[in-house]
Amino acid sequence: MAGPTRARRPFGRRRVEIAPGDSRPHDEDEWRGVLVVLEAGEIELRCHAGGRRRFAAGSVLWFTGLNLRTVHNPGAEPAVLVAISRGRRATEVTGS
């Protein structure tokens, strides 16, 4: 019987929830190389220059290189972001 080995999964997944009316400061490094799917609710991306853009559930986004200040939830329900990235490490058991 073989023991656990470290294998590379092709994708990692992280869930981020923003409560109604709350904002989350944007950290460019946190979102580098990440595809963001807005699973529920809505968000408003707020830029340092003052621009704003609103997105609804089902939107697929990229937060890198946009000069974002915050990600804000203007809605009445939680906004659920699913962040998908490449190459996370996972433990995989091989053998029987």
Protein backbone atom coordinates (compact mmCIF):
# COMPACT_ATOMS: atom_id res chain seq x y z
CA MET A 1 0.00 0.00 0.00
CA ALA A 2 1.40 3.32 -1.00
CA GLY A 3 1.26 6.31 1.32
CA PRO A 4 -0.03 9.77 0.56
CA THR A 5 1.75 11.61 -2.23
CA ARG A 6 1.65 15.25 -3.15
CA ALA A 7 -0.08 15.75 -6.47
CA ARG A 8 -0.88 18.88 -8.36
CA ARG A 9 -4.53 19.56 -8.94
CA PRO A 10 -5.17 21.54 -12.09
CA PHE A 11 -7.30 24.15 -10.24
CA GLY A 12 -7.85 25.55 -6.76
CA ARG A 13 -11.14 27.02 -5.53
CA ARG A 14 -11.77 29.60 -2.83
CA ARG A 15 -15.11 31.07 -1.71
CA VAL A 16 -15.38 34.69 -0.53
CA GLU A 17 -18.60 36.13 0.89
CA ILE A 18 -19.31 39.85 1.25
CA ALA A 19 -22.26 40.82 3.47
CA PRO A 20 -24.93 43.24 2.22
CA GLY A 21 -23.66 46.82 2.38
CA ASP A 22 -20.09 45.76 3.16
CA SER A 23 -16.94 46.48 1.17
CA ARG A 24 -13.77 44.46 0.91
CA PRO A 25 -10.49 46.30 0.29
CA HIS A 26 -8.83 45.11 -2.91
CA ASP A 27 -5.40 43.47 -2.66
CA GLU A 28 -3.93 43.04 -6.15
CA ASP A 29 -1.67 40.14 -5.09
CA GLU A 30 -4.60 38.17 -3.64
CA TRP A 31 -6.36 38.11 -7.02
CA ARG A 32 -3.40 37.75 -9.41
CA GLY A 33 -4.02 34.87 -11.83
CA VAL A 34 -7.52 34.25 -10.44
CA LEU A 35 -10.76 33.93 -12.38
CA VAL A 36 -13.71 35.20 -10.31
CA VAL A 37 -17.25 33.88 -10.70
CA LEU A 38 -20.01 35.80 -8.96
CA GLU A 39 -22.10 32.89 -7.72
CA ALA A 40 -24.81 34.88 -5.87
CA GLY A 41 -25.80 38.47 -5.20
CA GLU A 42 -24.23 41.49 -6.84
CA ILE A 43 -21.04 43.50 -6.48
CA GLU A 44 -19.81 46.91 -7.41
CA LEU A 45 -16.14 47.32 -8.33
CA ARG A 46 -14.88 50.70 -7.11
CA CYS A 47 -11.71 52.13 -8.64
CA HIS A 48 -9.18 54.53 -7.11
CA ALA A 49 -10.08 57.11 -9.80
CA GLY A 50 -13.75 57.08 -8.68
CA GLY A 51 -15.24 54.85 -11.37
CA ARG A 52 -17.75 52.15 -10.44
CA ARG A 53 -19.16 49.17 -12.29
CA ARG A 54 -21.90 46.81 -11.06
CA PHE A 55 -22.12 43.08 -11.79
CA ALA A 56 -24.83 40.48 -11.07
CA ALA A 57 -24.75 36.75 -10.27
CA GLY A 58 -23.36 34.71 -13.14
CA SER A 59 -20.70 37.28 -14.06
CA VAL A 60 -17.18 36.01 -14.73
CA LEU A 61 -14.53 38.56 -13.82
CA TRP A 62 -10.81 39.26 -13.58
CA PHE A 63 -9.69 41.66 -10.80
CA THR A 64 -6.04 42.13 -11.86
CA GLY A 65 -4.78 45.36 -13.42
CA LEU A 66 -8.00 47.33 -12.85
CA ASN A 67 -6.71 49.79 -10.22
CA LEU A 68 -9.50 48.69 -7.86
CA ARG A 69 -9.96 50.23 -4.42
CA THR A 70 -12.76 48.01 -3.08
CA VAL A 71 -15.25 45.31 -3.99
CA HIS A 72 -18.60 46.45 -2.57
CA ASN A 73 -21.88 44.60 -2.10
CA PRO A 74 -24.70 47.09 -2.85
CA GLY A 75 -27.39 44.42 -2.65
CA ALA A 76 -29.71 43.06 0.04
CA GLU A 77 -28.23 39.54 0.05
CA PRO A 78 -24.68 38.24 0.51
CA ALA A 79 -22.45 38.39 -2.55
CA VAL A 80 -20.65 35.08 -3.06
CA LEU A 81 -17.44 35.12 -5.12
CA VAL A 82 -15.80 31.88 -6.20
CA ALA A 83 -12.12 32.40 -6.99
CA ILE A 84 -10.59 29.82 -9.32
CA SER A 85 -6.83 29.58 -9.71
CA ARG A 86 -4.40 27.20 -11.36
CA GLY A 87 -2.14 24.67 -9.70
CA ARG A 88 -3.02 24.25 -6.04
CA ARG A 89 -1.37 21.45 -4.09
CA ALA A 90 -3.55 18.62 -2.77
CA THR A 91 -2.96 15.36 -0.96
CA GLU A 92 -3.79 12.36 -3.07
CA VAL A 93 -3.73 8.77 -1.83
CA THR A 94 -2.52 6.27 -4.39
CA GLY A 95 -2.67 2.49 -4.29
CA SER A 96 -5.04 0.27 -2.33
